Amino acid sequence: MKINAYQKRTIYITTGVLIFFAIISFITNDWRFFLGSLYSVFINIMFAFTAKNNKHIQKFNQKHAEKKKLVK
């Protein structure tokens, strides 16, 4: 299964969110912040990988491909 640009961006953002809440939890020593973020991150990732390729995702991937061509 090939990961498209929408899924890659979702993974990067959710990884950043988990790291952010892990840092907050480590500083405050209250791990409810991190544990609370796990559910929303899991749902977000599952949606990104199970959502059908609708017109919004296709439009996002098309824009990303066009930007990639301009950079080269």
PDB file of N, CA and C in Angstrom:
ATOM      1  N   MET A   1       0.843  -1.178   0.000  1.00  0.00           N
ATOM      2  CA  MET A   1       0.000   0.000   0.000  1.00  0.00           C
ATOM      3  C   MET A   1       0.887   1.240   0.000  1.00  0.00           C
ATOM      4  N   LYS A   2       0.660   2.096  -0.946  1.00  0.00           N
ATOM      5  CA  LYS A   2       1.439   3.322  -1.048  1.00  0.00           C
ATOM      6  C   LYS A   2       0.779   4.411  -0.206  1.00  0.00           C
ATOM      7  N   ILE A   3       1.585   5.119   0.539  1.00  0.00           N
ATOM      8  CA  ILE A   3       1.080   6.208   1.374  1.00  0.00           C
ATOM      9  C   ILE A   3       1.047   7.478   0.527  1.00  0.00           C
ATOM     10  N   ASN A   4      -0.114   8.126   0.499  1.00  0.00           N
ATOM     11  CA  ASN A   4      -0.221   9.363  -0.270  1.00  0.00           C
ATOM     12  C   ASN A   4       0.154  10.560   0.608  1.00  0.00           C
ATOM     13  N   ALA A   5       0.165  11.738   0.008  1.00  0.00           N
ATOM     14  CA  ALA A   5       0.608  12.946   0.707  1.00  0.00           C
ATOM     15  C   ALA A   5      -0.291  13.281   1.894  1.00  0.00           C
ATOM     16  N   TYR A   6      -1.591  13.042   1.751  1.00  0.00           N
ATOM     17  CA  TYR A   6      -2.530  13.305   2.851  1.00  0.00           C
ATOM     18  C   TYR A   6      -2.193  12.449   4.062  1.00  0.00           C
ATOM     19  N   GLN A   7      -1.896  11.180   3.827  1.00  0.00           N
ATOM     20  CA  GLN A   7      -1.573  10.275   4.924  1.00  0.00           C
ATOM     21  C   GLN A   7      -0.226  10.625   5.551  1.00  0.00           C
ATOM     22  N   LYS A   8       0.747  11.004   4.725  1.00  0.00           N
ATOM     23  CA  LYS A   8       2.051  11.402   5.261  1.00  0.00           C
ATOM     24  C   LYS A   8       1.913  12.617   6.175  1.00  0.00           C
ATOM     25  N   ARG A   9       1.164  13.612   5.705  1.00  0.00           N
ATOM     26  CA  ARG A   9       0.984  14.820   6.506  1.00  0.00           C
ATOM     27  C   ARG A   9       0.269  14.498   7.810  1.00  0.00           C
ATOM     28  N   THR A  10      -0.711  13.612   7.758  1.00  0.00           N
ATOM     29  CA  THR A  10      -1.429  13.208   8.966  1.00  0.00           C
ATOM     30  C   THR A  10      -0.485  12.548   9.958  1.00  0.00           C
ATOM     31  N   ILE A  11       0.401  11.701   9.477  1.00  0.00           N
ATOM     32  CA  ILE A  11       1.359  11.034  10.361  1.00  0.00           C
ATOM     33  C   ILE A  11       2.306  12.048  10.992  1.00  0.00           C
ATOM     34  N   TYR A  12       2.807  12.995  10.203  1.00  0.00           N
ATOM     35  CA  TYR A  12       3.714  14.012  10.747  1.00  0.00           C
ATOM     36  C   TYR A  12       3.031  14.858  11.819  1.00  0.00           C
ATOM     37  N   ILE A  13       1.816  15.287  11.547  1.00  0.00           N
ATOM     38  CA  ILE A  13       1.099  16.134  12.499  1.00  0.00           C
ATOM     39  C   ILE A  13       0.792  15.371  13.779  1.00  0.00           C
ATOM     40  N   THR A  14       0.303  14.139  13.656  1.00  0.00           N
ATOM     41  CA  THR A  14      -0.043  13.373  14.855  1.00  0.00           C
ATOM     42  C   THR A  14       1.195  12.991  15.658  1.00  0.00           C
ATOM     43  N   THR A  15       2.310  12.764  14.989  1.00  0.00           N
ATOM     44  CA  THR A  15       3.557  12.505  15.710  1.00  0.00           C
ATOM     45  C   THR A  15       3.964  13.745  16.501  1.00  0.00           C
ATOM     46  N   GLY A  16       3.842  14.906  15.882  1.00  0.00           N
ATOM     47  CA  GLY A  16       4.151  16.151  16.582  1.00  0.00           C
ATOM     48  C   GLY A  16       3.248  16.381  17.777  1.00  0.00           C
ATOM     49  N   VAL A  17       1.965  16.061  17.622  1.00  0.00           N
ATOM     50  CA  VAL A  17       1.015  16.217  18.728  1.00  0.00           C
ATOM     51  C   VAL A  17       1.387  15.288  19.880  1.00  0.00           C
ATOM     52  N   LEU A  18       1.721  14.041  19.561  1.00  0.00           N
ATOM     53  CA  LEU A  18       2.106  13.097  20.620  1.00  0.00           C
ATOM     54  C   LEU A  18       3.370  13.545  21.345  1.00  0.00           C
ATOM     55  N   ILE A  19       4.343  14.029  20.598  1.00  0.00           N
ATOM     56  CA  ILE A  19       5.579  14.519  21.224  1.00  0.00           C
ATOM     57  C   ILE A  19       5.282  15.726  22.105  1.00  0.00           C
ATOM     58  N   PHE A  20       4.447  16.640  21.614  1.00  0.00           N
ATOM     59  CA  PHE A  20       4.078  17.823  22.388  1.00  0.00           C
ATOM     60  C   PHE A  20       3.427  17.434  23.712  1.00  0.00           C
ATOM     61  N   PHE A  21       2.439  16.531  23.667  1.00  0.00           N
ATOM     62  CA  PHE A  21       1.761  16.127  24.892  1.00  0.00           C
ATOM     63  C   PHE A  21       2.653  15.278  25.790  1.00  0.00           C
ATOM     64  N   ALA A  22       3.591  14.537  25.214  1.00  0.00           N
ATOM     65  CA  ALA A  22       4.539  13.781  26.033  1.00  0.00           C
ATOM     66  C   ALA A  22       5.457  14.736  26.797  1.00  0.00           C
ATOM     67  N   ILE A  23       5.877  15.810  26.147  1.00  0.00           N
ATOM     68  CA  ILE A  23       6.728  16.806  26.815  1.00  0.00           C
ATOM     69  C   ILE A  23       5.956  17.500  27.929  1.00  0.00           C
ATOM     70  N   ILE A  24       4.716  17.905  27.640  1.00  0.00           N
ATOM     71  CA  ILE A  24       3.891  18.540  28.675  1.00  0.00           C
ATOM     72  C   ILE A  24       3.689  17.591  29.850  1.00  0.00           C
ATOM     73  N   SER A  25       3.407  16.336  29.550  1.00  0.00           N
ATOM     74  CA  SER A  25       3.186  15.353  30.610  1.00  0.00           C
ATOM     75  C   SER A  25       4.450  15.119  31.418  1.00  0.00           C
ATOM     76  N   PHE A  26       5.589  15.103  30.753  1.00  0.00           N
ATOM     77  CA  PHE A  26       6.856  14.901  31.461  1.00  0.00           C
ATOM     78  C   PHE A  26       7.167  16.085  32.371  1.00  0.00           C
ATOM     79  N   ILE A  27       6.920  17.299  31.880  1.00  0.00           N
ATOM     80  CA  ILE A  27       7.205  18.501  32.674  1.00  0.00           C
ATOM     81  C   ILE A  27       6.276  18.595  33.883  1.00  0.00           C
ATOM     82  N   THR A  28       4.989  18.352  33.671  1.00  0.00           N
ATOM     83  CA  THR A  28       4.016  18.497  34.756  1.00  0.00           C
ATOM     84  C   THR A  28       3.874  17.234  35.602  1.00  0.00           C
ATOM     85  N   ASN A  29       4.438  16.125  35.117  1.00  0.00           N
ATOM     86  CA  ASN A  29       4.332  14.825  35.789  1.00  0.00           C
ATOM     87  C   ASN A  29       2.865  14.402  35.946  1.00  0.00           C
ATOM     88  N   ASP A  30       2.027  14.849  35.012  1.00  0.00           N
ATOM     89  CA  ASP A  30       0.618  14.467  34.974  1.00  0.00           C
ATOM     90  C   ASP A  30       0.364  13.824  33.614  1.00  0.00           C
ATOM     91  N   TRP A  31       0.347  12.511  33.577  1.00  0.00           N
ATOM     92  CA  TRP A  31       0.306  11.775  32.322  1.00  0.00           C
ATOM     93  C   TRP A  31      -1.086  11.705  31.719  1.00  0.00           C
ATOM     94  N   ARG A  32      -2.068  12.360  32.338  1.00  0.00           N
ATOM     95  CA  ARG A  32      -3.403  12.400  31.744  1.00  0.00           C
ATOM     96  C   ARG A  32      -3.402  13.180  30.433  1.00  0.00           C
ATOM     97  N   PHE A  33      -2.517  14.175  30.306  1.00  0.00           N
ATOM     98  CA  PHE A  33      -2.413  14.926  29.050  1.00  0.00           C
ATOM     99  C   PHE A  33      -2.063  13.980  27.901  1.00  0.00           C
ATOM    100  N   PHE A  34      -1.033  13.183  28.108  1.00  0.00           N
ATOM    101  CA  PHE A  34      -0.575  12.262  27.068  1.00  0.00           C
ATOM    102  C   PHE A  34      -1.602  11.171  26.798  1.00  0.00           C
ATOM    103  N   LEU A  35      -2.137  10.585  27.849  1.00  0.00           N
ATOM    104  CA  LEU A  35      -3.114   9.511  27.683  1.00  0.00           C
ATOM    105  C   LEU A  35      -4.383  10.019  27.004  1.00  0.00           C
ATOM    106  N   GLY A  36      -4.769  11.249  27.302  1.00  0.00           N
ATOM    107  CA  GLY A  36      -5.943  11.835  26.658  1.00  0.00           C
ATOM    108  C   GLY A  36      -5.730  12.088  25.175  1.00  0.00           C
ATOM    109  N   SER A  37      -4.501  12.369  24.786  1.00  0.00           N
ATOM    110  CA  SER A  37      -4.225  12.638  23.375  1.00  0.00           C
ATOM    111  C   SER A  37      -4.137  11.356  22.551  1.00  0.00           C
ATOM    112  N   LEU A  38      -3.873  10.234  23.185  1.00  0.00           N
ATOM    113  CA  LEU A  38      -3.729   8.979  22.442  1.00  0.00           C
ATOM    114  C   LEU A  38      -4.998   8.612  21.681  1.00  0.00           C
ATOM    115  N   TYR A  39      -6.143   8.784  22.313  1.00  0.00           N
ATOM    116  CA  TYR A  39      -7.407   8.417  21.676  1.00  0.00           C
ATOM    117  C   TYR A  39      -7.654   9.252  20.423  1.00  0.00           C
ATOM    118  N   SER A  40      -7.506  10.559  20.528  1.00  0.00           N
ATOM    119  CA  SER A  40      -7.776  11.417  19.370  1.00  0.00           C
ATOM    120  C   SER A  40      -6.765  11.180  18.246  1.00  0.00           C
ATOM    121  N   VAL A  41      -5.515  10.937  18.597  1.00  0.00           N
ATOM    122  CA  VAL A  41      -4.504  10.659  17.581  1.00  0.00           C
ATOM    123  C   VAL A  41      -4.803   9.331  16.883  1.00  0.00           C
ATOM    124  N   PHE A  42      -5.192   8.329  17.646  1.00  0.00           N
ATOM    125  CA  PHE A  42      -5.528   7.028  17.065  1.00  0.00           C
ATOM    126  C   PHE A  42      -6.701   7.157  16.094  1.00  0.00           C
ATOM    127  N   ILE A  43      -7.736   7.874  16.485  1.00  0.00           N
ATOM    128  CA  ILE A  43      -8.900   8.060  15.618  1.00  0.00           C
ATOM    129  C   ILE A  43      -8.500   8.810  14.347  1.00  0.00           C
ATOM    130  N   ASN A  44      -7.671   9.822  14.485  1.00  0.00           N
ATOM    131  CA  ASN A  44      -7.229  10.614  13.339  1.00  0.00           C
ATOM    132  C   ASN A  44      -6.438   9.760  12.343  1.00  0.00           C
ATOM    133  N   ILE A  45      -5.523   8.953  12.838  1.00  0.00           N
ATOM    134  CA  ILE A  45      -4.723   8.102  11.957  1.00  0.00           C
ATOM    135  C   ILE A  45      -5.596   7.041  11.294  1.00  0.00           C
ATOM    136  N   MET A  46      -6.504   6.456  12.057  1.00  0.00           N
ATOM    137  CA  MET A  46      -7.378   5.436  11.476  1.00  0.00           C
ATOM    138  C   MET A  46      -8.262   6.040  10.377  1.00  0.00           C
ATOM    139  N   PHE A  47      -8.736   7.256  10.581  1.00  0.00           N
ATOM    140  CA  PHE A  47      -9.539   7.924   9.552  1.00  0.00           C
ATOM    141  C   PHE A  47      -8.707   8.176   8.298  1.00  0.00           C
ATOM    142  N   ALA A  48      -7.459   8.602   8.485  1.00  0.00           N
ATOM    143  CA  ALA A  48      -6.602   8.905   7.335  1.00  0.00           C
ATOM    144  C   ALA A  48      -6.333   7.665   6.491  1.00  0.00           C
ATOM    145  N   PHE A  49      -6.223   6.512   7.129  1.00  0.00           N
ATOM    146  CA  PHE A  49      -5.900   5.304   6.377  1.00  0.00           C
ATOM    147  C   PHE A  49      -7.125   4.526   5.908  1.00  0.00           C
ATOM    148  N   THR A  50      -8.293   4.816   6.450  1.00  0.00           N
ATOM    149  CA  THR A  50      -9.483   4.087   6.016  1.00  0.00           C
ATOM    150  C   THR A  50     -10.418   4.937   5.164  1.00  0.00           C
ATOM    151  N   ALA A  51     -10.194   6.230   5.112  1.00  0.00           N
ATOM    152  CA  ALA A  51     -11.066   7.105   4.318  1.00  0.00           C
ATOM    153  C   ALA A  51     -10.870   6.820   2.836  1.00  0.00           C
ATOM    154  N   LYS A  52     -11.960   6.824   2.128  1.00  0.00           N
ATOM    155  CA  LYS A  52     -11.864   6.616   0.683  1.00  0.00           C
ATOM    156  C   LYS A  52     -11.269   7.866   0.056  1.00  0.00           C
ATOM    157  N   ASN A  53     -10.773   7.704  -1.106  1.00  0.00           N
ATOM    158  CA  ASN A  53     -10.112   8.800  -1.801  1.00  0.00           C
ATOM    159  C   ASN A  53     -11.168   9.761  -2.349  1.00  0.00           C
ATOM    160  N   ASN A  54     -11.740  10.592  -1.473  1.00  0.00           N
ATOM    161  CA  ASN A  54     -12.795  11.508  -1.907  1.00  0.00           C
ATOM    162  C   ASN A  54     -12.204  12.724  -2.619  1.00  0.00           C
ATOM    163  N   LYS A  55     -13.064  13.619  -3.061  1.00  0.00           N
ATOM    164  CA  LYS A  55     -12.596  14.744  -3.872  1.00  0.00           C
ATOM    165  C   LYS A  55     -11.670  15.679  -3.103  1.00  0.00           C
ATOM    166  N   HIS A  56     -11.853  15.817  -1.796  1.00  0.00           N
ATOM    167  CA  HIS A  56     -10.987  16.704  -1.016  1.00  0.00           C
ATOM    168  C   HIS A  56      -9.580  16.128  -0.901  1.00  0.00           C
ATOM    169  N   ILE A  57      -9.490  14.830  -0.675  1.00  0.00           N
ATOM    170  CA  ILE A  57      -8.180  14.188  -0.581  1.00  0.00           C
ATOM    171  C   ILE A  57      -7.500  14.188  -1.945  1.00  0.00           C
ATOM    172  N   GLN A  58      -8.256  13.947  -3.008  1.00  0.00           N
ATOM    173  CA  GLN A  58      -7.686  13.982  -4.352  1.00  0.00           C
ATOM    174  C   GLN A  58      -7.164  15.378  -4.685  1.00  0.00           C
ATOM    175  N   LYS A  59      -7.904  16.410  -4.296  1.00  0.00           N
ATOM    176  CA  LYS A  59      -7.485  17.791  -4.547  1.00  0.00           C
ATOM    177  C   LYS A  59      -6.197  18.098  -3.782  1.00  0.00           C
ATOM    178  N   PHE A  60      -6.116  17.641  -2.528  1.00  0.00           N
ATOM    179  CA  PHE A  60      -4.915  17.857  -1.726  1.00  0.00           C
ATOM    180  C   PHE A  60      -3.720  17.167  -2.372  1.00  0.00           C
ATOM    181  N   ASN A  61      -3.890  15.907  -2.779  1.00  0.00           N
ATOM    182  CA  ASN A  61      -2.793  15.164  -3.396  1.00  0.00           C
ATOM    183  C   ASN A  61      -2.366  15.783  -4.717  1.00  0.00           C
ATOM    184  N   GLN A  62      -3.314  16.314  -5.474  1.00  0.00           N
ATOM    185  CA  GLN A  62      -2.993  16.948  -6.743  1.00  0.00           C
ATOM    186  C   GLN A  62      -2.171  18.218  -6.511  1.00  0.00           C
ATOM    187  N   LYS A  63      -2.575  19.038  -5.541  1.00  0.00           N
ATOM    188  CA  LYS A  63      -1.815  20.254  -5.231  1.00  0.00           C
ATOM    189  C   LYS A  63      -0.411  19.905  -4.763  1.00  0.00           C
ATOM    190  N   HIS A  64      -0.303  18.867  -3.949  1.00  0.00           N
ATOM    191  CA  HIS A  64       1.003  18.448  -3.439  1.00  0.00           C
ATOM    192  C   HIS A  64       1.899  17.976  -4.586  1.00  0.00           C
ATOM    193  N   ALA A  65       1.335  17.236  -5.533  1.00  0.00           N
ATOM    194  CA  ALA A  65       2.104  16.753  -6.678  1.00  0.00           C
ATOM    195  C   ALA A  65       2.558  17.921  -7.554  1.00  0.00           C
ATOM    196  N   GLU A  66       1.705  18.928  -7.723  1.00  0.00           N
ATOM    197  CA  GLU A  66       2.067  20.097  -8.526  1.00  0.00           C
ATOM    198  C   GLU A  66       3.196  20.884  -7.868  1.00  0.00           C
ATOM    199  N   LYS A  67       3.139  21.035  -6.551  1.00  0.00           N
ATOM    200  CA  LYS A  67       4.207  21.741  -5.839  1.00  0.00           C
ATOM    201  C   LYS A  67       5.517  20.979  -5.960  1.00  0.00           C
ATOM    202  N   LYS A  68       5.448  19.662  -5.902  1.00  0.00           N
ATOM    203  CA  LYS A  68       6.640  18.834  -6.001  1.00  0.00           C
ATOM    204  C   LYS A  68       7.284  18.991  -7.380  1.00  0.00           C
ATOM    205  N   LYS A  69       6.459  19.095  -8.432  1.00  0.00           N
ATOM    206  CA  LYS A  69       6.980  19.275  -9.786  1.00  0.00           C
ATOM    207  C   LYS A  69       7.646  20.636  -9.934  1.00  0.00           C
ATOM    208  N   LEU A  70       7.089  21.667  -9.295  1.00  0.00           N
ATOM    209  CA  LEU A  70       7.656  23.010  -9.393  1.00  0.00           C
ATOM    210  C   LEU A  70       9.002  23.104  -8.695  1.00  0.00           C
ATOM    211  N   VAL A  71       9.187  22.342  -7.631  1.00  0.00           N
ATOM    212  CA  VAL A  71      10.438  22.381  -6.877  1.00  0.00           C
ATOM    213  C   VAL A  71      11.564  21.743  -7.674  1.00  0.00           C
ATOM    214  N   LYS A  72      11.254  20.700  -8.426  1.00  0.00           N
ATOM    215  CA  LYS A  72      12.288  19.990  -9.204  1.00  0.00           C
ATOM    216  C   LYS A  72      12.737  20.794 -10.340  1.00  0.00           C
TER     217      LYS A  72
END
